[in-house]
C-alpha atoms as a PDB file:
ATOM      1  CA  MET A   1      55.090 170.891  33.965  1.00  0.00           C
ATOM      2  CA  LEU A   2      56.638 168.124  36.094  1.00  0.00           C
ATOM      3  CA  ASP A   3      56.019 164.601  34.850  1.00  0.00           C
ATOM      4  CA  HIS A   4      55.046 162.510  37.869  1.00  0.00           C
ATOM      5  CA  GLY A   5      54.408 159.346  35.901  1.00  0.00           C
ATOM      6  CA  HIS A   6      58.095 158.568  35.455  1.00  0.00           C
ATOM      7  CA  ILE A   7      61.157 158.355  37.645  1.00  0.00           C
ATOM      8  CA  LEU A   8      63.152 161.533  37.189  1.00  0.00           C
ATOM      9  CA  ILE A   9      66.641 161.912  38.602  1.00  0.00           C
ATOM     10  CA  LEU A  10      67.832 165.305  37.457  1.00  0.00           C
ATOM     11  CA  SER A  11      71.341 166.417  38.260  1.00  0.00           C
ATOM     12  CA  ALA A  12      72.285 169.835  39.568  1.00  0.00           C
ATOM     13  CA  VAL A  13      74.145 172.035  37.121  1.00  0.00           C
ATOM     14  CA  LEU A  14      76.823 174.561  38.037  1.00  0.00           C
ATOM     15  CA  SER A  15      76.935 177.421  35.568  1.00  0.00           C
ATOM     16  CA  VAL A  16      79.660 180.030  36.002  1.00  0.00           C
ATOM     17  CA  ALA A  17      80.149 181.703  32.647  1.00  0.00           C
ATOM     18  CA  ALA A  18      77.893 184.682  33.169  1.00  0.00           C
ATOM     19  CA  PHE A  19      78.322 185.079  36.896  1.00  0.00           C
ATOM     20  CA  PHE A  20      82.028 184.711  37.610  1.00  0.00           C
ATOM     21  CA  SER A  21      82.844 187.368  40.171  1.00  0.00           C
ATOM     22  CA  ILE A  22      85.449 189.759  38.832  1.00  0.00           C
ATOM     23  CA  HIS A  23      85.624 191.220  42.336  1.00  0.00           C
ATOM     24  CA  ALA A  24      87.469 188.075  43.395  1.00  0.00           C
ATOM     25  CA  CYS A  25      90.151 188.738  40.796  1.00  0.00           C
ATOM     26  CA  GLU A  26      92.697 191.462  40.442  1.00  0.00           C
ATOM     27  CA  PRO A  27      93.334 192.163  36.735  1.00  0.00           C
ATOM     28  CA  THR A  28      96.876 192.192  35.435  1.00  0.00           C
ATOM     29  CA  PRO A  29      97.538 195.745  34.114  1.00  0.00           C
ATOM     30  CA  SER A  30     100.303 194.553  31.780  1.00  0.00           C
ATOM     31  CA  ALA A  31      97.882 192.166  30.051  1.00  0.00           C
ATOM     32  CA  VAL A  32      95.448 195.009  29.347  1.00  0.00           C
ATOM     33  CA  GLY A  33      98.246 197.237  28.044  1.00  0.00           C
ATOM     34  CA  ASP A  34      99.784 194.488  25.898  1.00  0.00           C
ATOM     35  CA  LEU A  35      96.500 193.754  24.139  1.00  0.00           C
ATOM     36  CA  ALA A  36      95.849 197.480  23.608  1.00  0.00           C
ATOM     37  CA  SER A  37      99.255 197.799  21.900  1.00  0.00           C
ATOM     38  CA  GLN A  38      98.685 194.736  19.712  1.00  0.00           C
ATOM     39  CA  THR A  39      95.251 195.952  18.695  1.00  0.00           C
ATOM     40  CA  ALA A  40      96.483 199.449  17.824  1.00  0.00           C
ATOM     41  CA  MET A  41      99.259 197.961  15.689  1.00  0.00           C
ATOM     42  CA  ALA A  42      96.725 195.760  13.878  1.00  0.00           C
ATOM     43  CA  ALA A  43      94.677 198.868  13.027  1.00  0.00           C
ATOM     44  CA  ALA A  44      97.809 200.697  11.865  1.00  0.00           C
ATOM     45  CA  ARG A  45      98.687 197.810   9.520  1.00  0.00           C
ATOM     46  CA  ARG A  46      95.336 198.419   7.821  1.00  0.00           C
ATOM     47  CA  ASN A  47      96.358 202.054   7.284  1.00  0.00           C
ATOM     48  CA  ALA A  48      93.210 202.992   9.201  1.00  0.00           C
ATOM     49  CA  HIS A  49      92.620 206.582  10.307  1.00  0.00           C
ATOM     50  CA  ARG A  50      88.911 206.524  11.141  1.00  0.00           C
ATOM     51  CA  ILE A  51      88.163 204.012  13.852  1.00  0.00           C
ATOM     52  CA  ARG A  52      85.079 202.886  15.683  1.00  0.00           C
ATOM     53  CA  THR A  53      85.446 201.002  18.979  1.00  0.00           C
ATOM     54  CA  VAL A  54      82.634 198.825  20.292  1.00  0.00           C
ATOM     55  CA  ILE A  55      82.455 197.317  23.788  1.00  0.00           C
ATOM     56  CA  LEU A  56      80.532 194.063  23.386  1.00  0.00           C
ATOM     57  CA  PRO A  57      77.717 193.029  25.777  1.00  0.00           C
ATOM     58  CA  ASP A  58      79.788 190.252  27.359  1.00  0.00           C
ATOM     59  CA  CYS A  59      82.002 192.959  28.825  1.00  0.00           C
ATOM     60  CA  SER A  60      79.343 193.379  31.497  1.00  0.00           C
ATOM     61  CA  LEU A  61      81.167 190.495  33.203  1.00  0.00           C
ATOM     62  CA  ALA A  62      83.948 192.926  34.023  1.00  0.00           C
ATOM     63  CA  ALA A  63      82.895 196.383  32.893  1.00  0.00           C
ATOM     64  CA  GLU A  64      85.777 198.107  34.684  1.00  0.00           C
ATOM     65  CA  ILE A  65      88.369 196.037  32.824  1.00  0.00           C
ATOM     66  CA  CYS A  66      86.755 196.722  29.452  1.00  0.00           C
ATOM     67  CA  ALA A  67      86.546 200.439  30.233  1.00  0.00           C
ATOM     68  CA  GLU A  68      90.239 200.438  31.155  1.00  0.00           C
ATOM     69  CA  PHE A  69      91.089 198.579  27.955  1.00  0.00           C
ATOM     70  CA  ASP A  70      89.071 201.039  25.859  1.00  0.00           C
ATOM     71  CA  THR A  71      90.902 203.988  27.449  1.00  0.00           C
ATOM     72  CA  ARG A  72      94.311 202.413  26.913  1.00  0.00           C
ATOM     73  CA  LEU A  73      93.430 201.382  23.366  1.00  0.00           C
ATOM     74  CA  ARG A  74      92.421 204.910  22.391  1.00  0.00           C
ATOM     75  CA  ALA A  75      95.656 206.250  23.863  1.00  0.00           C
ATOM     76  CA  LYS A  76      97.683 203.650  21.938  1.00  0.00           C
ATOM     77  CA  LEU A  77      95.826 204.450  18.722  1.00  0.00           C
ATOM     78  CA  GLU A  78      96.610 208.151  19.146  1.00  0.00           C
ATOM     79  CA  GLN A  79     100.279 207.287  19.680  1.00  0.00           C
ATOM     80  CA  THR A  80     100.436 204.845  16.782  1.00  0.00           C
ATOM     81  CA  ILE A  81      98.295 206.522  14.093  1.00  0.00           C
ATOM     82  CA  LEU A  82      98.904 210.203  13.390  1.00  0.00           C
ATOM     83  CA  GLY A  83      95.633 212.142  13.176  1.00  0.00           C
ATOM     84  CA  VAL A  84      93.428 209.177  14.130  1.00  0.00           C
ATOM     85  CA  GLN A  85      89.696 209.916  14.365  1.00  0.00           C
ATOM     86  CA  PHE A  86      87.166 208.084  16.497  1.00  0.00           C
ATOM     87  CA  VAL A  87      83.763 207.812  14.869  1.00  0.00           C
ATOM     88  CA  THR A  88      80.403 206.526  16.066  1.00  0.00           C
ATOM     89  CA  SER A  89      77.669 204.668  14.212  1.00  0.00           C
ATOM     90  CA  THR A  90      75.743 207.931  13.865  1.00  0.00           C
ATOM     91  CA  ASP A  91      78.599 209.845  12.233  1.00  0.00           C
ATOM     92  CA  ALA A  92      78.242 210.679   8.559  1.00  0.00           C
ATOM     93  CA  ILE A  93      81.847 209.646   8.026  1.00  0.00           C
ATOM     94  CA  ARG A  94      82.448 205.908   7.772  1.00  0.00           C
ATOM     95  CA  ALA A  95      85.050 204.135   9.894  1.00  0.00           C
ATOM     96  CA  ASP A  96      87.973 202.435   8.148  1.00  0.00           C
ATOM     97  CA  VAL A  97      87.942 199.693  10.778  1.00  0.00           C
ATOM     98  CA  GLN A  98      85.824 198.656  13.734  1.00  0.00           C
ATOM     99  CA  ILE A  99      87.497 197.325  16.860  1.00  0.00           C
ATOM    100  CA  ASN A 100      85.351 195.013  18.975  1.00  0.00           C
ATOM    101  CA  GLU A 101      86.243 194.563  22.633  1.00  0.00           C
ATOM    102  CA  GLY A 102      85.014 191.667  24.720  1.00  0.00           C
ATOM    103  CA  LEU A 103      85.705 189.004  27.294  1.00  0.00           C
ATOM    104  CA  SER A 104      85.705 185.237  27.280  1.00  0.00           C
ATOM    105  CA  ILE A 105      85.731 182.648  30.023  1.00  0.00           C
ATOM    106  CA  ALA A 106      88.270 179.843  29.806  1.00  0.00           C
ATOM    107  CA  GLY A 107      89.881 178.917  33.111  1.00  0.00           C
ATOM    108  CA  GLY A 108      89.699 182.556  34.095  1.00  0.00           C
ATOM    109  CA  ILE A 109      88.727 185.822  32.444  1.00  0.00           C
ATOM    110  CA  GLU A 110      90.339 186.595  29.083  1.00  0.00           C
ATOM    111  CA  LEU A 111      90.271 189.977  27.408  1.00  0.00           C
ATOM    112  CA  ARG A 112      89.918 189.806  23.625  1.00  0.00           C
ATOM    113  CA  SER A 113      89.667 192.161  20.690  1.00  0.00           C
ATOM    114  CA  GLU A 114      89.154 191.987  16.947  1.00  0.00           C
ATOM    115  CA  VAL A 115      89.879 194.461  14.195  1.00  0.00           C
ATOM    116  CA  VAL A 116      87.302 194.344  11.424  1.00  0.00           C
ATOM    117  CA  GLY A 117      87.698 196.189   8.120  1.00  0.00           C
ATOM    118  CA  GLY A 118      85.826 195.295   4.939  1.00  0.00           C
ATOM    119  CA  THR A 119      85.879 191.502   4.725  1.00  0.00           C
ATOM    120  CA  GLN A 120      89.104 191.206   6.710  1.00  0.00           C
ATOM    121  CA  LEU A 121      89.279 190.228  10.348  1.00  0.00           C
ATOM    122  CA  GLU A 122      92.332 190.240  12.567  1.00  0.00           C
ATOM    123  CA  THR A 123      92.200 188.875  16.093  1.00  0.00           C
ATOM    124  CA  PRO A 124      95.153 189.744  18.343  1.00  0.00           C
ATOM    125  CA  GLU A 125      96.159 187.114  20.879  1.00  0.00           C
ATOM    126  CA  LYS A 126      93.863 187.027  23.919  1.00  0.00           C
ATOM    127  CA  ARG A 127      95.265 188.079  27.269  1.00  0.00           C
ATOM    128  CA  TYR A 128      94.349 186.624  30.648  1.00  0.00           C
ATOM    129  CA  VAL A 129      93.357 189.460  32.939  1.00  0.00           C
ATOM    130  CA  CYS A 130      92.275 187.106  35.707  1.00  0.00           C
ATOM    131  CA  ALA A 131      93.480 183.528  35.605  1.00  0.00           C
ATOM    132  CA  ALA A 132      91.602 181.217  37.928  1.00  0.00           C
ATOM    133  CA  THR A 133      89.946 177.845  38.131  1.00  0.00           C
ATOM    134  CA  PHE A 134      86.198 177.682  38.692  1.00  0.00           C
ATOM    135  CA  PRO A 135      84.369 175.971  41.564  1.00  0.00           C
ATOM    136  CA  ARG A 136      83.303 172.365  41.069  1.00  0.00           C
ATOM    137  CA  CYS A 137      80.414 170.493  42.624  1.00  0.00           C
ATOM    138  CA  LEU A 138      81.638 167.667  44.892  1.00  0.00           C
ATOM    139  CA  VAL A 139      78.517 166.584  46.810  1.00  0.00           C
ATOM    140  CA  CYS A 140      75.450 168.202  45.273  1.00  0.00           C
ATOM    141  CA  THR A 141      72.441 165.941  45.686  1.00  0.00           C
ATOM    142  CA  PRO A 142      69.276 167.246  43.961  1.00  0.00           C
ATOM    143  CA  PRO A 143      66.406 167.795  46.412  1.00  0.00           C
ATOM    144  CA  LEU A 144      63.319 165.587  46.398  1.00  0.00           C
ATOM    145  CA  PHE A 145      60.130 167.013  44.949  1.00  0.00           C
ATOM    146  CA  PRO A 146      57.611 167.103  47.831  1.00  0.00           C
ATOM    147  CA  LYS A 147      54.784 164.562  47.500  1.00  0.00           C
ATOM    148  CA  GLU A 148      52.182 167.075  48.648  1.00  0.00           C
ATOM    149  CA  LYS A 149      52.850 169.170  45.569  1.00  0.00           C
ATOM    150  CA  LYS A 150      52.644 166.442  42.950  1.00  0.00           C
ATOM    151  CA  ASN A 151      49.077 167.387  41.951  1.00  0.00           C
ATOM    152  CA  GLU A 152      49.833 171.078  41.604  1.00  0.00           C
ATOM    153  CA  LYS A 153      50.338 172.526  38.151  1.00  0.00           C
ATOM    154  CA  ILE A 154      53.885 173.857  38.292  1.00  0.00           C
ATOM    155  CA  GLU A 155      55.567 175.020  35.112  1.00  0.00           C
ATOM    156  CA  GLY A 156      59.194 173.973  34.845  1.00  0.00           C
ATOM    157  CA  THR A 157      61.502 171.625  36.719  1.00  0.00           C
ATOM    158  CA  MET A 158      64.396 173.821  37.729  1.00  0.00           C
ATOM    159  CA  VAL A 159      65.175 176.656  40.146  1.00  0.00           C
ATOM    160  CA  LYS A 160      67.933 179.065  39.144  1.00  0.00           C
ATOM    161  CA  LEU A 161      69.911 180.569  42.001  1.00  0.00           C
ATOM    162  CA  LEU A 162      72.880 182.835  42.574  1.00  0.00           C
ATOM    163  CA  ALA A 163      75.310 181.882  45.307  1.00  0.00           C
ATOM    164  CA  THR A 164      78.736 182.789  46.593  1.00  0.00           C
ATOM    165  CA  ILE A 165      81.002 179.741  46.796  1.00  0.00           C
ATOM    166  CA  THR A 166      83.358 180.426  49.682  1.00  0.00           C
ATOM    167  CA  PRO A 167      87.047 179.454  49.804  1.00  0.00           C
ATOM    168  CA  ASP A 168      86.110 176.490  52.025  1.00  0.00           C
ATOM    169  CA  GLY A 169      83.534 175.252  49.484  1.00  0.00           C
ATOM    170  CA  ARG A 170      80.225 176.336  51.021  1.00  0.00           C
ATOM    171  CA  ALA A 171      77.348 178.167  49.305  1.00  0.00           C
ATOM    172  CA  GLU A 172      76.420 181.467  50.959  1.00  0.00           C
ATOM    173  CA  ASN A 173      74.263 184.497  50.139  1.00  0.00           C
ATOM    174  CA  VAL A 174      71.937 182.357  48.026  1.00  0.00           C
ATOM    175  CA  THR A 175      69.277 184.277  46.086  1.00  0.00           C
ATOM    176  CA  VAL A 176      66.631 183.241  43.540  1.00  0.00           C
ATOM    177  CA  VAL A 177      67.105 184.247  39.907  1.00  0.00           C
ATOM    178  CA  LYS A 178      64.177 182.264  38.517  1.00  0.00           C
ATOM    179  CA  GLY A 179      61.959 180.210  40.797  1.00  0.00           C
ATOM    180  CA  LEU A 180      59.105 177.696  40.557  1.00  0.00           C
ATOM    181  CA  ASP A 181      57.062 178.655  43.605  1.00  0.00           C
ATOM    182  CA  LYS A 182      57.847 179.930  47.099  1.00  0.00           C
ATOM    183  CA  ASP A 183      57.970 176.517  48.785  1.00  0.00           C
ATOM    184  CA  LEU A 184      60.112 174.888  46.093  1.00  0.00           C
ATOM    185  CA  ASP A 185      62.437 177.873  46.002  1.00  0.00           C
ATOM    186  CA  ILE A 186      63.037 177.568  49.751  1.00  0.00           C
ATOM    187  CA  ILE A 187      63.735 173.834  49.393  1.00  0.00           C
ATOM    188  CA  ALA A 188      66.216 174.545  46.590  1.00  0.00           C
ATOM    189  CA  ILE A 189      68.014 177.193  48.663  1.00  0.00           C
ATOM    190  CA  LYS A 190      68.296 174.890  51.678  1.00  0.00           C
ATOM    191  CA  ALA A 191      69.610 172.092  49.453  1.00  0.00           C
ATOM    192  CA  VAL A 192      72.306 174.323  47.961  1.00  0.00           C
ATOM    193  CA  GLN A 193      73.336 175.518  51.423  1.00  0.00           C
ATOM    194  CA  GLY A 194      74.088 171.878  52.265  1.00  0.00           C
ATOM    195  CA  TRP A 195      76.137 171.172  49.135  1.00  0.00           C
ATOM    196  CA  HIS A 196      79.922 170.896  49.109  1.00  0.00           C
ATOM    197  CA  PHE A 197      82.172 172.393  46.420  1.00  0.00           C
ATOM    198  CA  SER A 198      85.818 172.638  45.586  1.00  0.00           C
ATOM    199  CA  ALA A 199      86.454 176.367  45.616  1.00  0.00           C
ATOM    200  CA  ALA A 200      87.743 178.395  42.708  1.00  0.00           C
ATOM    201  CA  ASN A 201      91.388 179.271  43.082  1.00  0.00           C
ATOM    202  CA  ARG A 202      93.907 181.682  41.689  1.00  0.00           C
ATOM    203  CA  ASN A 203      97.618 180.977  41.944  1.00  0.00           C
ATOM    204  CA  GLU A 204      96.683 177.866  43.966  1.00  0.00           C
ATOM    205  CA  ILE A 205      94.928 180.004  46.591  1.00  0.00           C
ATOM    206  CA  PRO A 206      91.169 179.373  47.152  1.00  0.00           C
ATOM    207  CA  ILE A 207      88.996 182.398  46.369  1.00  0.00           C
ATOM    208  CA  ALA A 208      85.291 183.239  46.685  1.00  0.00           C
ATOM    209  CA  THR A 209      83.249 183.385  43.475  1.00  0.00           C
ATOM    210  CA  ARG A 210      79.683 184.311  42.608  1.00  0.00           C
ATOM    211  CA  VAL A 211      78.066 181.631  40.456  1.00  0.00           C
ATOM    212  CA  GLN A 212      74.715 180.633  39.004  1.00  0.00           C
ATOM    213  CA  LEU A 213      73.317 177.300  40.181  1.00  0.00           C
ATOM    214  CA  GLU A 214      70.546 175.414  38.419  1.00  0.00           C
ATOM    215  CA  VAL A 215      68.791 173.092  40.839  1.00  0.00           C
ATOM    216  CA  ALA A 216      66.564 170.359  39.431  1.00  0.00           C
ATOM    217  CA  PHE A 217      64.268 168.293  41.647  1.00  0.00           C
ATOM    218  CA  ARG A 218      64.179 164.523  41.560  1.00  0.00           C
ATOM    219  CA  THR A 219      60.795 162.839  41.778  1.00  0.00           C
ATOM    220  CA  PHE A 220      59.606 159.252  42.074  1.00  0.00           C
END
């Protein structure tokens, strides 16, 4: 519930980790192949013949890249380990190693993997599959909480939105992820549409990205 007895100046937060648009990035095929080779070699060093591969939930950021990596990894494992078997968690036979596949966000999208066997863990070097900077908020003034709503019981202080930050730094295609009420949601959307950003860029070229914005109201 909003506290109207105090002065609140709540900043707007730009959150991009879970909503970076992979569609704005073209993955580097060599990076995917290089990591697949490294990972297969790590499994071979363990003398593993029964292998389970697991695509981690964070791969939903770029499902196509993870699917491509999984395909290439299995091909590399078949080339590297004679008679390799791929097992699932429901198989009676136990895997010698488990290979986890995932993504991380650090100035772009990184593909990562880890080879787990017993108590040992080997993590091949991550590979950038989409190097880019993220958008930054330049002029993003939080909207005022309307006086006519100060006596209403509204749970929460923040509206979560999705928006496309264009190459020229504007917010477009703004939609509500989690709102407060209809009126406040509309105010938050209009505020975001008036904000100014520095666009994400790849290879020093501005690109469009889909991001999550958390808009907090300021009240007096």
